[in-house]
Amino acid sequence: MADDSVDFAVVAYREEGIWQLATLPRAVGEDIDDLITALRPWPGDAGVLGLVSVDEDFFVLVRVAGDDVRVFLSDVTAVTEWPLASSIAEYLDLPDPDDDEEPQPAGDSDVVQEFGMTAVDLAVLCDDDELYPDEMLSDVAERLGFGAQLASIVEAAKA
């Protein structure tokens, strides 16, 4: 997968209750192990979040807090087309989706619950056919309290 297939890869974490964001190399959007490794050095009061949007097709949320790693994939059907989604399916030990399977999320839907977004809210968001993955992640960021920061960092990365 070419780096240009990754819309953005961002790390978000809270220090003393304040969200901090930084871009990650787009190459971490090719494999879940690379993404987890890239997130481990970052600090954070309650762990660190990785947000990756891939080619207007799907998004990934990863939370790393010490040895605890939680992974959420917005669309399991992406497994057949994208190395990152495929590596997540392997990581989560998911079966390959059927050819006629409808898009649906996979993994830990409580990945951001501690930060203020429930599993139900995340599932409803993923079920919205009108939104692209980057827009869904913008919605997640808004609900968690760092929407403006994410918009700014994504815009700066495009420039």
N, C-alpha and C. Protein backbone atom coordinates (compact mmCIF):
# COMPACT_ATOMS: atom_id res chain seq x y z
N MET A 1 0.85 -1.18 0.00
CA MET A 1 0.00 0.00 0.00
C MET A 1 0.89 1.23 0.00
N ALA A 2 0.60 2.15 -0.83
CA ALA A 2 1.37 3.40 -0.90
C ALA A 2 0.98 4.32 0.24
N ASP A 3 1.97 5.09 0.72
CA ASP A 3 1.71 6.03 1.80
C ASP A 3 0.59 7.00 1.46
N ASP A 4 0.40 7.32 0.17
CA ASP A 4 -0.64 8.28 -0.20
C ASP A 4 -2.05 7.70 -0.06
N SER A 5 -2.16 6.40 0.21
CA SER A 5 -3.46 5.79 0.47
C SER A 5 -3.95 6.13 1.88
N VAL A 6 -3.03 6.51 2.74
CA VAL A 6 -3.39 6.89 4.11
C VAL A 6 -3.77 8.37 4.09
N ASP A 7 -5.03 8.66 4.40
CA ASP A 7 -5.48 10.06 4.45
C ASP A 7 -4.73 10.80 5.54
N PHE A 8 -4.66 10.19 6.72
CA PHE A 8 -3.86 10.74 7.81
C PHE A 8 -3.67 9.69 8.89
N ALA A 9 -2.60 9.88 9.66
CA ALA A 9 -2.31 9.07 10.85
C ALA A 9 -1.91 10.05 11.95
N VAL A 10 -2.65 10.02 13.04
CA VAL A 10 -2.49 10.99 14.11
C VAL A 10 -2.44 10.28 15.45
N VAL A 11 -1.63 10.80 16.35
CA VAL A 11 -1.61 10.33 17.73
C VAL A 11 -2.27 11.41 18.59
N ALA A 12 -3.10 10.98 19.54
CA ALA A 12 -3.76 11.90 20.47
C ALA A 12 -3.60 11.34 21.88
N TYR A 13 -3.27 12.23 22.81
CA TYR A 13 -3.13 11.81 24.20
C TYR A 13 -3.40 13.00 25.10
N ARG A 14 -3.75 12.70 26.35
CA ARG A 14 -4.01 13.77 27.31
C ARG A 14 -2.89 13.82 28.34
N GLU A 15 -2.45 15.04 28.60
CA GLU A 15 -1.51 15.29 29.68
C GLU A 15 -2.13 16.37 30.56
N GLU A 16 -2.27 16.03 31.85
CA GLU A 16 -2.90 16.93 32.80
C GLU A 16 -4.26 17.40 32.29
N GLY A 17 -4.99 16.48 31.66
CA GLY A 17 -6.35 16.75 31.20
C GLY A 17 -6.46 17.51 29.89
N ILE A 18 -5.34 17.83 29.27
CA ILE A 18 -5.35 18.59 28.01
C ILE A 18 -4.91 17.69 26.87
N TRP A 19 -5.72 17.67 25.79
CA TRP A 19 -5.40 16.85 24.62
C TRP A 19 -4.20 17.43 23.88
N GLN A 20 -3.32 16.53 23.49
CA GLN A 20 -2.16 16.86 22.66
C GLN A 20 -2.24 15.98 21.41
N LEU A 21 -1.94 16.52 20.25
CA LEU A 21 -1.98 15.77 19.00
C LEU A 21 -0.70 15.97 18.21
N ALA A 22 -0.35 14.96 17.44
CA ALA A 22 0.80 15.04 16.53
C ALA A 22 0.54 14.10 15.36
N THR A 23 1.14 14.41 14.24
CA THR A 23 1.03 13.51 13.10
C THR A 23 2.00 12.34 13.29
N LEU A 24 1.62 11.23 12.71
CA LEU A 24 2.47 10.05 12.65
C LEU A 24 2.87 9.85 11.19
N PRO A 25 3.99 9.17 10.94
CA PRO A 25 4.34 8.87 9.55
C PRO A 25 3.22 8.03 8.91
N ARG A 26 2.86 8.37 7.70
CA ARG A 26 1.77 7.64 7.03
C ARG A 26 2.09 6.16 6.87
N ALA A 27 3.34 5.81 6.86
CA ALA A 27 3.74 4.41 6.70
C ALA A 27 3.21 3.53 7.84
N VAL A 28 2.92 4.12 9.01
CA VAL A 28 2.38 3.30 10.11
C VAL A 28 0.97 2.83 9.80
N GLY A 29 0.37 3.41 8.77
CA GLY A 29 -0.96 3.02 8.35
C GLY A 29 -0.97 1.80 7.45
N GLU A 30 0.13 1.08 7.42
CA GLU A 30 0.21 -0.12 6.57
C GLU A 30 0.13 -1.42 7.36
N ASP A 31 0.39 -1.36 8.68
CA ASP A 31 0.42 -2.59 9.47
C ASP A 31 0.11 -2.26 10.93
N ILE A 32 -0.72 -3.05 11.55
CA ILE A 32 -1.13 -2.78 12.93
C ILE A 32 0.05 -2.84 13.89
N ASP A 33 0.98 -3.74 13.68
CA ASP A 33 2.14 -3.81 14.57
C ASP A 33 2.99 -2.54 14.48
N ASP A 34 3.15 -2.01 13.26
CA ASP A 34 3.89 -0.75 13.09
C ASP A 34 3.17 0.40 13.79
N LEU A 35 1.85 0.41 13.69
CA LEU A 35 1.06 1.46 14.33
C LEU A 35 1.18 1.38 15.85
N ILE A 36 1.05 0.19 16.39
CA ILE A 36 1.18 0.01 17.85
C ILE A 36 2.57 0.43 18.31
N THR A 37 3.59 0.02 17.58
CA THR A 37 4.97 0.39 17.93
C THR A 37 5.15 1.90 17.90
N ALA A 38 4.55 2.57 16.93
CA ALA A 38 4.66 4.03 16.82
C ALA A 38 3.94 4.74 17.97
N LEU A 39 2.92 4.12 18.53
CA LEU A 39 2.15 4.75 19.61
C LEU A 39 2.79 4.57 20.99
N ARG A 40 3.53 3.50 21.17
CA ARG A 40 4.07 3.16 22.51
C ARG A 40 4.90 4.25 23.17
N PRO A 41 5.77 4.99 22.46
CA PRO A 41 6.60 5.99 23.14
C PRO A 41 5.85 7.23 23.64
N TRP A 42 4.63 7.45 23.16
CA TRP A 42 3.91 8.66 23.52
C TRP A 42 3.36 8.56 24.94
N PRO A 43 3.33 9.70 25.66
CA PRO A 43 2.79 9.69 27.02
C PRO A 43 1.27 9.75 26.98
N GLY A 44 0.69 9.86 28.13
CA GLY A 44 -0.75 10.03 28.20
C GLY A 44 -1.29 9.60 29.54
N ASP A 45 -2.21 10.41 30.09
CA ASP A 45 -2.80 10.11 31.39
C ASP A 45 -3.56 8.79 31.39
N ALA A 46 -4.22 8.48 30.29
CA ALA A 46 -5.03 7.26 30.21
C ALA A 46 -4.72 6.48 28.94
N GLY A 47 -3.47 6.53 28.56
CA GLY A 47 -3.08 5.86 27.32
C GLY A 47 -3.07 6.83 26.17
N VAL A 48 -2.77 6.30 25.02
CA VAL A 48 -2.63 7.10 23.81
C VAL A 48 -3.54 6.53 22.73
N LEU A 49 -4.10 7.40 21.89
CA LEU A 49 -4.95 6.98 20.78
C LEU A 49 -4.24 7.18 19.46
N GLY A 50 -4.39 6.21 18.58
CA GLY A 50 -3.96 6.36 17.20
C GLY A 50 -5.20 6.43 16.34
N LEU A 51 -5.25 7.37 15.44
CA LEU A 51 -6.38 7.55 14.53
C LEU A 51 -5.82 7.50 13.11
N VAL A 52 -6.31 6.56 12.32
CA VAL A 52 -5.84 6.42 10.94
C VAL A 52 -7.04 6.34 10.01
N SER A 53 -7.03 7.19 8.99
CA SER A 53 -8.06 7.16 7.94
C SER A 53 -7.38 6.69 6.66
N VAL A 54 -7.98 5.70 6.00
CA VAL A 54 -7.36 5.11 4.82
C VAL A 54 -8.25 5.27 3.59
N ASP A 55 -7.72 5.99 2.61
CA ASP A 55 -8.27 6.11 1.26
C ASP A 55 -9.78 6.27 1.20
N GLU A 56 -10.33 7.08 2.09
CA GLU A 56 -11.77 7.30 2.12
C GLU A 56 -12.56 6.00 2.17
N ASP A 57 -11.94 4.93 2.72
CA ASP A 57 -12.57 3.61 2.75
C ASP A 57 -12.89 3.14 4.17
N PHE A 58 -11.98 3.32 5.10
CA PHE A 58 -12.20 2.87 6.47
C PHE A 58 -11.29 3.65 7.42
N PHE A 59 -11.56 3.49 8.72
CA PHE A 59 -10.67 4.10 9.70
C PHE A 59 -10.36 3.09 10.79
N VAL A 60 -9.30 3.42 11.53
CA VAL A 60 -8.83 2.57 12.62
C VAL A 60 -8.62 3.46 13.85
N LEU A 61 -9.05 2.96 14.99
CA LEU A 61 -8.73 3.57 16.28
C LEU A 61 -7.95 2.55 17.07
N VAL A 62 -6.83 2.96 17.62
CA VAL A 62 -6.01 2.07 18.45
C VAL A 62 -5.71 2.81 19.74
N ARG A 63 -5.91 2.14 20.84
CA ARG A 63 -5.57 2.72 22.15
C ARG A 63 -4.51 1.85 22.81
N VAL A 64 -3.42 2.48 23.19
CA VAL A 64 -2.33 1.78 23.86
C VAL A 64 -2.15 2.41 25.23
N ALA A 65 -2.27 1.58 26.26
CA ALA A 65 -2.05 2.02 27.64
C ALA A 65 -1.22 0.93 28.31
N GLY A 66 0.09 1.12 28.33
CA GLY A 66 0.98 0.09 28.86
C GLY A 66 0.90 -1.15 27.99
N ASP A 67 0.62 -2.29 28.60
CA ASP A 67 0.50 -3.54 27.85
C ASP A 67 -0.88 -3.73 27.23
N ASP A 68 -1.83 -2.89 27.61
CA ASP A 68 -3.20 -3.00 27.09
C ASP A 68 -3.29 -2.32 25.73
N VAL A 69 -3.67 -3.10 24.72
CA VAL A 69 -3.86 -2.57 23.37
C VAL A 69 -5.28 -2.90 22.93
N ARG A 70 -6.00 -1.87 22.52
CA ARG A 70 -7.37 -2.03 22.06
C ARG A 70 -7.46 -1.51 20.64
N VAL A 71 -8.08 -2.30 19.77
CA VAL A 71 -8.11 -1.97 18.34
C VAL A 71 -9.55 -2.00 17.84
N PHE A 72 -9.89 -0.99 17.03
CA PHE A 72 -11.21 -0.89 16.41
C PHE A 72 -11.04 -0.61 14.93
N LEU A 73 -11.71 -1.40 14.12
CA LEU A 73 -11.71 -1.27 12.65
C LEU A 73 -13.12 -0.90 12.22
N SER A 74 -13.28 0.18 11.48
CA SER A 74 -14.61 0.67 11.13
C SER A 74 -15.35 -0.21 10.13
N ASP A 75 -14.63 -0.97 9.33
CA ASP A 75 -15.29 -1.78 8.29
C ASP A 75 -14.49 -3.04 8.01
N VAL A 76 -15.02 -4.17 8.44
CA VAL A 76 -14.33 -5.44 8.30
C VAL A 76 -14.17 -5.86 6.84
N THR A 77 -15.00 -5.35 5.95
CA THR A 77 -14.87 -5.72 4.54
C THR A 77 -13.61 -5.15 3.91
N ALA A 78 -12.98 -4.18 4.56
CA ALA A 78 -11.72 -3.61 4.07
C ALA A 78 -10.58 -4.62 4.13
N VAL A 79 -10.77 -5.69 4.86
CA VAL A 79 -9.74 -6.73 5.04
C VAL A 79 -9.28 -7.30 3.71
N THR A 80 -10.17 -7.40 2.75
CA THR A 80 -9.84 -8.01 1.46
C THR A 80 -9.02 -7.09 0.56
N GLU A 81 -9.00 -5.77 0.88
CA GLU A 81 -8.34 -4.82 -0.01
C GLU A 81 -7.13 -4.10 0.57
N TRP A 82 -7.03 -4.02 1.87
CA TRP A 82 -6.04 -3.16 2.49
C TRP A 82 -5.16 -3.93 3.47
N PRO A 83 -3.84 -3.77 3.36
CA PRO A 83 -2.92 -4.46 4.28
C PRO A 83 -3.15 -4.12 5.76
N LEU A 84 -3.44 -2.85 6.07
CA LEU A 84 -3.69 -2.49 7.46
C LEU A 84 -4.89 -3.24 8.01
N ALA A 85 -5.98 -3.24 7.27
CA ALA A 85 -7.19 -3.94 7.72
C ALA A 85 -6.93 -5.44 7.84
N SER A 86 -6.18 -5.99 6.90
CA SER A 86 -5.84 -7.41 6.95
C SER A 86 -5.00 -7.74 8.19
N SER A 87 -4.03 -6.87 8.50
CA SER A 87 -3.19 -7.12 9.68
C SER A 87 -4.00 -6.98 10.97
N ILE A 88 -5.01 -6.12 10.96
CA ILE A 88 -5.89 -5.99 12.12
C ILE A 88 -6.73 -7.24 12.28
N ALA A 89 -7.22 -7.78 11.17
CA ALA A 89 -8.00 -9.03 11.24
C ALA A 89 -7.16 -10.15 11.82
N GLU A 90 -5.91 -10.22 11.41
CA GLU A 90 -5.01 -11.23 11.98
C GLU A 90 -4.77 -10.97 13.46
N TYR A 91 -4.52 -9.72 13.81
CA TYR A 91 -4.27 -9.34 15.20
C TYR A 91 -5.45 -9.71 16.10
N LEU A 92 -6.68 -9.46 15.59
CA LEU A 92 -7.90 -9.73 16.35
C LEU A 92 -8.41 -11.16 16.16
N ASP A 93 -7.71 -11.92 15.30
CA ASP A 93 -8.11 -13.29 14.99
C ASP A 93 -9.55 -13.36 14.45
N LEU A 94 -9.83 -12.47 13.49
CA LEU A 94 -11.15 -12.42 12.86
C LEU A 94 -11.18 -13.34 11.63
N PRO A 95 -12.31 -13.95 11.37
CA PRO A 95 -12.43 -14.73 10.13
C PRO A 95 -12.49 -13.79 8.93
N ASP A 96 -12.09 -14.28 7.77
CA ASP A 96 -12.20 -13.48 6.55
C ASP A 96 -13.68 -13.21 6.27
N PRO A 97 -13.99 -11.99 5.85
CA PRO A 97 -15.39 -11.68 5.55
C PRO A 97 -15.85 -12.41 4.29
N ASP A 98 -17.13 -12.70 4.24
CA ASP A 98 -17.72 -13.28 3.04
C ASP A 98 -17.78 -12.21 1.96
N ASP A 99 -17.81 -12.65 0.69
CA ASP A 99 -17.87 -11.71 -0.43
C ASP A 99 -19.10 -10.81 -0.37
N ASP A 100 -20.19 -11.33 0.16
CA ASP A 100 -21.43 -10.57 0.20
C ASP A 100 -21.69 -9.92 1.56
N GLU A 101 -20.67 -9.92 2.42
CA GLU A 101 -20.84 -9.35 3.75
C GLU A 101 -21.00 -7.84 3.69
N GLU A 102 -21.92 -7.35 4.49
CA GLU A 102 -22.16 -5.91 4.59
C GLU A 102 -21.06 -5.26 5.43
N PRO A 103 -20.74 -4.01 5.15
CA PRO A 103 -19.76 -3.31 5.98
C PRO A 103 -20.23 -3.29 7.44
N GLN A 104 -19.31 -3.60 8.33
CA GLN A 104 -19.60 -3.54 9.75
C GLN A 104 -18.29 -3.41 10.52
N PRO A 105 -18.36 -2.78 11.68
CA PRO A 105 -17.14 -2.62 12.47
C PRO A 105 -16.69 -3.92 13.12
N ALA A 106 -15.43 -3.93 13.55
CA ALA A 106 -14.88 -5.10 14.24
C ALA A 106 -13.89 -4.60 15.29
N GLY A 107 -13.69 -5.41 16.28
CA GLY A 107 -12.73 -5.08 17.32
C GLY A 107 -13.41 -4.54 18.56
N ASP A 108 -12.68 -3.75 19.30
CA ASP A 108 -13.12 -3.24 20.60
C ASP A 108 -13.90 -1.94 20.43
N SER A 109 -15.21 -2.02 20.42
CA SER A 109 -16.04 -0.83 20.23
C SER A 109 -16.05 0.08 21.46
N ASP A 110 -15.49 -0.37 22.57
CA ASP A 110 -15.35 0.46 23.77
C ASP A 110 -14.02 1.19 23.81
N VAL A 111 -13.31 1.22 22.69
CA VAL A 111 -11.95 1.76 22.63
C VAL A 111 -11.84 3.20 23.14
N VAL A 112 -12.87 4.00 22.96
CA VAL A 112 -12.82 5.39 23.41
C VAL A 112 -13.87 5.71 24.48
N GLN A 113 -14.46 4.69 25.06
CA GLN A 113 -15.51 4.91 26.05
C GLN A 113 -15.01 5.71 27.25
N GLU A 114 -13.82 5.40 27.73
CA GLU A 114 -13.28 6.11 28.88
C GLU A 114 -13.09 7.61 28.61
N PHE A 115 -12.96 7.96 27.32
CA PHE A 115 -12.78 9.36 26.95
C PHE A 115 -14.10 10.06 26.66
N GLY A 116 -15.22 9.31 26.67
CA GLY A 116 -16.51 9.96 26.55
C GLY A 116 -17.38 9.57 25.37
N MET A 117 -17.01 8.55 24.61
CA MET A 117 -17.85 8.12 23.49
C MET A 117 -18.17 6.64 23.66
N THR A 118 -19.45 6.33 23.74
CA THR A 118 -19.86 4.95 24.00
C THR A 118 -19.72 4.07 22.77
N ALA A 119 -19.76 2.77 23.00
CA ALA A 119 -19.71 1.79 21.92
C ALA A 119 -20.91 1.96 20.99
N VAL A 120 -22.06 2.27 21.56
CA VAL A 120 -23.26 2.47 20.75
C VAL A 120 -23.09 3.68 19.83
N ASP A 121 -22.57 4.78 20.38
CA ASP A 121 -22.34 5.98 19.56
C ASP A 121 -21.36 5.69 18.43
N LEU A 122 -20.32 4.94 18.73
CA LEU A 122 -19.32 4.60 17.72
C LEU A 122 -19.94 3.71 16.64
N ALA A 123 -20.76 2.75 17.03
CA ALA A 123 -21.42 1.86 16.07
C ALA A 123 -22.38 2.64 15.17
N VAL A 124 -23.14 3.55 15.76
CA VAL A 124 -24.08 4.38 14.99
C VAL A 124 -23.30 5.23 13.98
N LEU A 125 -22.20 5.79 14.41
CA LEU A 125 -21.37 6.60 13.53
C LEU A 125 -20.87 5.78 12.34
N CYS A 126 -20.40 4.57 12.61
CA CYS A 126 -19.89 3.70 11.54
C CYS A 126 -20.98 3.26 10.59
N ASP A 127 -22.21 3.30 11.03
CA ASP A 127 -23.34 2.86 10.22
C ASP A 127 -23.86 3.97 9.30
N ASP A 128 -23.29 5.16 9.39
CA ASP A 128 -23.74 6.29 8.59
C ASP A 128 -23.07 6.24 7.22
N ASP A 129 -23.83 5.82 6.21
CA ASP A 129 -23.31 5.68 4.84
C ASP A 129 -22.97 7.02 4.19
N GLU A 130 -23.41 8.12 4.76
CA GLU A 130 -23.18 9.43 4.17
C GLU A 130 -21.81 10.01 4.54
N LEU A 131 -21.15 9.43 5.54
CA LEU A 131 -19.89 9.98 6.01
C LEU A 131 -18.69 9.19 5.51
N TYR A 132 -17.62 9.91 5.18
CA TYR A 132 -16.34 9.29 4.86
C TYR A 132 -15.60 9.01 6.17
N PRO A 133 -14.63 8.11 6.14
CA PRO A 133 -13.90 7.78 7.37
C PRO A 133 -13.24 8.98 8.05
N ASP A 134 -12.68 9.90 7.27
CA ASP A 134 -12.06 11.08 7.90
C ASP A 134 -13.11 11.93 8.60
N GLU A 135 -14.32 11.98 8.06
CA GLU A 135 -15.41 12.71 8.71
C GLU A 135 -15.86 12.00 9.98
N MET A 136 -15.85 10.68 9.95
CA MET A 136 -16.21 9.92 11.14
C MET A 136 -15.19 10.16 12.25
N LEU A 137 -13.91 10.15 11.89
CA LEU A 137 -12.88 10.41 12.88
C LEU A 137 -12.96 11.85 13.39
N SER A 138 -13.34 12.77 12.54
CA SER A 138 -13.54 14.15 12.99
C SER A 138 -14.67 14.21 14.01
N ASP A 139 -15.72 13.44 13.79
CA ASP A 139 -16.83 13.36 14.73
C ASP A 139 -16.36 12.77 16.06
N VAL A 140 -15.58 11.69 16.00
CA VAL A 140 -15.03 11.09 17.22
C VAL A 140 -14.21 12.13 17.97
N ALA A 141 -13.33 12.81 17.25
CA ALA A 141 -12.47 13.82 17.88
C ALA A 141 -13.29 14.93 18.51
N GLU A 142 -14.33 15.36 17.84
CA GLU A 142 -15.20 16.40 18.37
C GLU A 142 -15.84 15.95 19.68
N ARG A 143 -16.34 14.73 19.70
CA ARG A 143 -16.99 14.20 20.91
C ARG A 143 -16.02 14.01 22.07
N LEU A 144 -14.76 13.73 21.73
CA LEU A 144 -13.76 13.52 22.77
C LEU A 144 -13.11 14.82 23.23
N GLY A 145 -13.32 15.89 22.47
CA GLY A 145 -12.83 17.19 22.90
C GLY A 145 -11.61 17.71 22.18
N PHE A 146 -11.23 17.11 21.05
CA PHE A 146 -10.07 17.63 20.32
C PHE A 146 -10.36 17.77 18.82
N GLY A 147 -11.61 18.08 18.50
CA GLY A 147 -12.02 18.22 17.10
C GLY A 147 -11.29 19.31 16.36
N ALA A 148 -11.19 20.49 16.96
CA ALA A 148 -10.51 21.61 16.29
C ALA A 148 -9.03 21.31 16.10
N GLN A 149 -8.42 20.66 17.09
CA GLN A 149 -7.00 20.31 16.96
C GLN A 149 -6.79 19.31 15.84
N LEU A 150 -7.67 18.31 15.73
CA LEU A 150 -7.54 17.33 14.65
C LEU A 150 -7.71 18.00 13.30
N ALA A 151 -8.72 18.84 13.17
CA ALA A 151 -8.94 19.54 11.90
C ALA A 151 -7.71 20.35 11.51
N SER A 152 -7.12 21.03 12.47
CA SER A 152 -5.94 21.85 12.20
C SER A 152 -4.74 21.01 11.78
N ILE A 153 -4.51 19.90 12.48
CA ILE A 153 -3.35 19.07 12.17
C ILE A 153 -3.52 18.34 10.83
N VAL A 154 -4.73 17.93 10.51
CA VAL A 154 -4.98 17.27 9.23
C VAL A 154 -4.82 18.27 8.08
N GLU A 155 -5.32 19.47 8.28
CA GLU A 155 -5.21 20.51 7.26
C GLU A 155 -3.73 20.87 7.01
N ALA A 156 -2.96 20.97 8.09
CA ALA A 156 -1.54 21.30 7.97
C ALA A 156 -0.79 20.18 7.25
N ALA A 157 -1.20 18.94 7.47
CA ALA A 157 -0.53 17.80 6.82
C ALA A 157 -0.82 17.77 5.32
N LYS A 158 -1.97 18.29 4.92
CA LYS A 158 -2.32 18.32 3.50
C LYS A 158 -1.55 19.40 2.74
N ALA A 159 -1.12 20.43 3.45
CA ALA A 159 -0.46 21.57 2.81
C ALA A 159 0.94 21.24 2.34
